[in-house]
Amino acid sequence: MRKEYGKALRSLFTARMKAELPRFEETRVSSMYFWPGHRAFRWKASEQIHCWIVLSPSPKDLGNL
């Protein structure tokens, strides 16, 4: 995904997450499964249960959309 599109996507996604699902907070994750550009949002339902939403944009250019 082109740099400017990725930045706009992450910004819009984060804003909508805050508006629609305020219990989910953006969380930094250090893992070999996360790449630059991924965003993780976590809601701690309880100490034992953590719910996750991960934004993982495609690295391919989506030029025809």
N, C-alpha and C. Protein backbone atom coordinates (compact mmCIF):
# COMPACT_ATOMS: atom_id res chain seq x y z
N MET A 1 0.85 -1.17 0.00
CA MET A 1 0.00 0.00 0.00
C MET A 1 0.89 1.23 0.00
N ARG A 2 0.53 2.19 -0.79
CA ARG A 2 1.32 3.41 -0.86
C ARG A 2 1.35 4.11 0.49
N LYS A 3 2.47 4.74 0.77
CA LYS A 3 2.71 5.36 2.08
C LYS A 3 1.60 6.32 2.49
N GLU A 4 1.19 7.20 1.57
CA GLU A 4 0.17 8.20 1.93
C GLU A 4 -1.19 7.56 2.18
N TYR A 5 -1.51 6.49 1.45
CA TYR A 5 -2.77 5.79 1.68
C TYR A 5 -2.75 5.05 3.01
N GLY A 6 -1.63 4.43 3.32
CA GLY A 6 -1.49 3.72 4.58
C GLY A 6 -1.64 4.65 5.78
N LYS A 7 -1.03 5.82 5.68
CA LYS A 7 -1.12 6.79 6.77
C LYS A 7 -2.56 7.26 6.96
N ALA A 8 -3.25 7.55 5.87
CA ALA A 8 -4.65 7.99 5.94
C ALA A 8 -5.53 6.87 6.49
N LEU A 9 -5.30 5.64 6.03
CA LEU A 9 -6.09 4.50 6.51
C LEU A 9 -5.93 4.32 8.01
N ARG A 10 -4.69 4.34 8.49
CA ARG A 10 -4.45 4.15 9.93
C ARG A 10 -5.08 5.26 10.75
N SER A 11 -5.00 6.49 10.26
CA SER A 11 -5.58 7.63 10.96
C SER A 11 -7.11 7.52 11.03
N LEU A 12 -7.74 7.22 9.92
CA LEU A 12 -9.21 7.08 9.89
C LEU A 12 -9.67 5.89 10.73
N PHE A 13 -8.96 4.77 10.63
CA PHE A 13 -9.33 3.58 11.39
C PHE A 13 -9.25 3.85 12.89
N THR A 14 -8.18 4.51 13.32
CA THR A 14 -8.01 4.82 14.74
C THR A 14 -9.13 5.74 15.23
N ALA A 15 -9.47 6.74 14.44
CA ALA A 15 -10.54 7.67 14.82
C ALA A 15 -11.88 6.94 14.94
N ARG A 16 -12.19 6.05 13.98
CA ARG A 16 -13.45 5.30 14.04
C ARG A 16 -13.48 4.33 15.21
N MET A 17 -12.34 3.73 15.51
CA MET A 17 -12.27 2.82 16.67
C MET A 17 -12.62 3.59 17.94
N LYS A 18 -12.07 4.79 18.09
CA LYS A 18 -12.35 5.60 19.28
C LYS A 18 -13.82 5.97 19.36
N ALA A 19 -14.43 6.26 18.21
CA ALA A 19 -15.84 6.67 18.18
C ALA A 19 -16.80 5.49 18.36
N GLU A 20 -16.52 4.38 17.70
CA GLU A 20 -17.45 3.25 17.67
C GLU A 20 -17.21 2.21 18.77
N LEU A 21 -15.95 2.00 19.11
CA LEU A 21 -15.59 0.97 20.10
C LEU A 21 -14.62 1.55 21.12
N PRO A 22 -15.09 2.47 21.96
CA PRO A 22 -14.18 3.18 22.87
C PRO A 22 -13.51 2.28 23.92
N ARG A 23 -14.03 1.08 24.15
CA ARG A 23 -13.39 0.19 25.12
C ARG A 23 -12.06 -0.35 24.60
N PHE A 24 -11.91 -0.40 23.28
CA PHE A 24 -10.67 -0.87 22.69
C PHE A 24 -9.67 0.28 22.67
N GLU A 25 -8.49 0.03 23.22
CA GLU A 25 -7.44 1.04 23.25
C GLU A 25 -6.28 0.59 22.36
N GLU A 26 -5.70 1.55 21.64
CA GLU A 26 -4.55 1.22 20.80
C GLU A 26 -3.41 0.77 21.70
N THR A 27 -2.78 -0.32 21.33
CA THR A 27 -1.75 -0.94 22.15
C THR A 27 -0.52 -1.23 21.30
N ARG A 28 0.64 -0.93 21.81
CA ARG A 28 1.89 -1.29 21.12
C ARG A 28 2.18 -2.76 21.37
N VAL A 29 2.52 -3.46 20.32
CA VAL A 29 2.80 -4.88 20.41
C VAL A 29 4.18 -5.15 19.82
N SER A 30 5.02 -5.83 20.59
CA SER A 30 6.32 -6.27 20.08
C SER A 30 6.22 -7.76 19.82
N SER A 31 6.19 -8.11 18.55
CA SER A 31 6.03 -9.51 18.17
C SER A 31 6.58 -9.71 16.78
N MET A 32 7.06 -10.91 16.50
CA MET A 32 7.53 -11.20 15.15
C MET A 32 6.38 -11.28 14.17
N TYR A 33 5.14 -11.29 14.65
CA TYR A 33 3.96 -11.37 13.79
C TYR A 33 3.41 -10.00 13.41
N PHE A 34 3.95 -8.94 13.99
CA PHE A 34 3.51 -7.59 13.69
C PHE A 34 4.56 -6.88 12.87
N TRP A 35 4.12 -6.19 11.82
CA TRP A 35 5.00 -5.46 10.94
C TRP A 35 4.72 -3.97 11.07
N PRO A 36 5.64 -3.13 10.62
CA PRO A 36 5.35 -1.69 10.60
C PRO A 36 4.07 -1.44 9.80
N GLY A 37 3.23 -0.59 10.33
CA GLY A 37 1.95 -0.30 9.67
C GLY A 37 0.78 -1.01 10.31
N HIS A 38 1.03 -2.10 11.04
CA HIS A 38 -0.05 -2.79 11.75
C HIS A 38 -0.44 -1.98 12.98
N ARG A 39 -1.70 -2.04 13.32
CA ARG A 39 -2.19 -1.40 14.53
C ARG A 39 -2.99 -2.41 15.33
N ALA A 40 -2.75 -2.46 16.63
CA ALA A 40 -3.46 -3.39 17.51
C ALA A 40 -4.28 -2.61 18.51
N PHE A 41 -5.51 -3.07 18.72
CA PHE A 41 -6.42 -2.47 19.69
C PHE A 41 -6.87 -3.57 20.64
N ARG A 42 -6.82 -3.30 21.95
CA ARG A 42 -7.15 -4.32 22.95
C ARG A 42 -8.20 -3.82 23.91
N TRP A 43 -9.10 -4.71 24.27
CA TRP A 43 -10.08 -4.47 25.33
C TRP A 43 -9.90 -5.57 26.35
N LYS A 44 -9.62 -5.19 27.59
CA LYS A 44 -9.50 -6.16 28.67
C LYS A 44 -10.89 -6.38 29.25
N ALA A 45 -11.55 -7.44 28.80
CA ALA A 45 -12.89 -7.77 29.31
C ALA A 45 -12.80 -8.20 30.77
N SER A 46 -11.72 -8.89 31.10
CA SER A 46 -11.40 -9.28 32.47
C SER A 46 -9.90 -9.52 32.52
N GLU A 47 -9.39 -9.90 33.67
CA GLU A 47 -7.96 -10.18 33.77
C GLU A 47 -7.55 -11.37 32.90
N GLN A 48 -8.47 -12.31 32.70
CA GLN A 48 -8.16 -13.51 31.92
C GLN A 48 -8.54 -13.37 30.44
N ILE A 49 -9.41 -12.44 30.12
CA ILE A 49 -9.93 -12.34 28.75
C ILE A 49 -9.55 -10.98 28.15
N HIS A 50 -8.77 -11.05 27.07
CA HIS A 50 -8.38 -9.86 26.32
C HIS A 50 -8.90 -10.03 24.90
N CYS A 51 -9.63 -9.05 24.41
CA CYS A 51 -10.17 -9.09 23.04
C CYS A 51 -9.32 -8.16 22.17
N TRP A 52 -9.02 -8.62 20.95
CA TRP A 52 -8.12 -7.89 20.07
C TRP A 52 -8.77 -7.60 18.72
N ILE A 53 -8.44 -6.43 18.17
CA ILE A 53 -8.71 -6.09 16.78
C ILE A 53 -7.39 -5.61 16.21
N VAL A 54 -7.00 -6.18 15.07
CA VAL A 54 -5.72 -5.82 14.45
C VAL A 54 -5.98 -5.30 13.04
N LEU A 55 -5.49 -4.10 12.77
CA LEU A 55 -5.52 -3.55 11.41
C LEU A 55 -4.23 -3.98 10.74
N SER A 56 -4.38 -4.72 9.66
CA SER A 56 -3.23 -5.25 8.92
C SER A 56 -3.41 -4.94 7.44
N PRO A 57 -3.04 -3.73 7.01
CA PRO A 57 -3.23 -3.37 5.61
C PRO A 57 -2.36 -4.21 4.68
N SER A 58 -2.86 -4.45 3.50
CA SER A 58 -2.12 -5.21 2.49
C SER A 58 -0.93 -4.38 2.00
N PRO A 59 0.23 -4.99 1.88
CA PRO A 59 1.38 -4.24 1.38
C PRO A 59 1.32 -4.02 -0.14
N LYS A 60 0.39 -4.69 -0.82
CA LYS A 60 0.27 -4.55 -2.26
C LYS A 60 -0.46 -3.26 -2.61
N ASP A 61 -0.08 -2.66 -3.73
CA ASP A 61 -0.74 -1.45 -4.20
C ASP A 61 -2.13 -1.81 -4.73
N LEU A 62 -3.13 -1.13 -4.26
CA LEU A 62 -4.51 -1.37 -4.66
C LEU A 62 -4.93 -0.31 -5.67
N GLY A 63 -4.14 -0.14 -6.70
CA GLY A 63 -4.31 0.95 -7.65
C GLY A 63 -5.64 1.00 -8.37
N ASN A 64 -6.34 -0.13 -8.56
CA ASN A 64 -7.59 -0.13 -9.33
C ASN A 64 -8.83 0.10 -8.49
N LEU A 65 -8.68 0.31 -7.21
CA LEU A 65 -9.86 0.53 -6.37
C LEU A 65 -10.31 1.96 -6.40
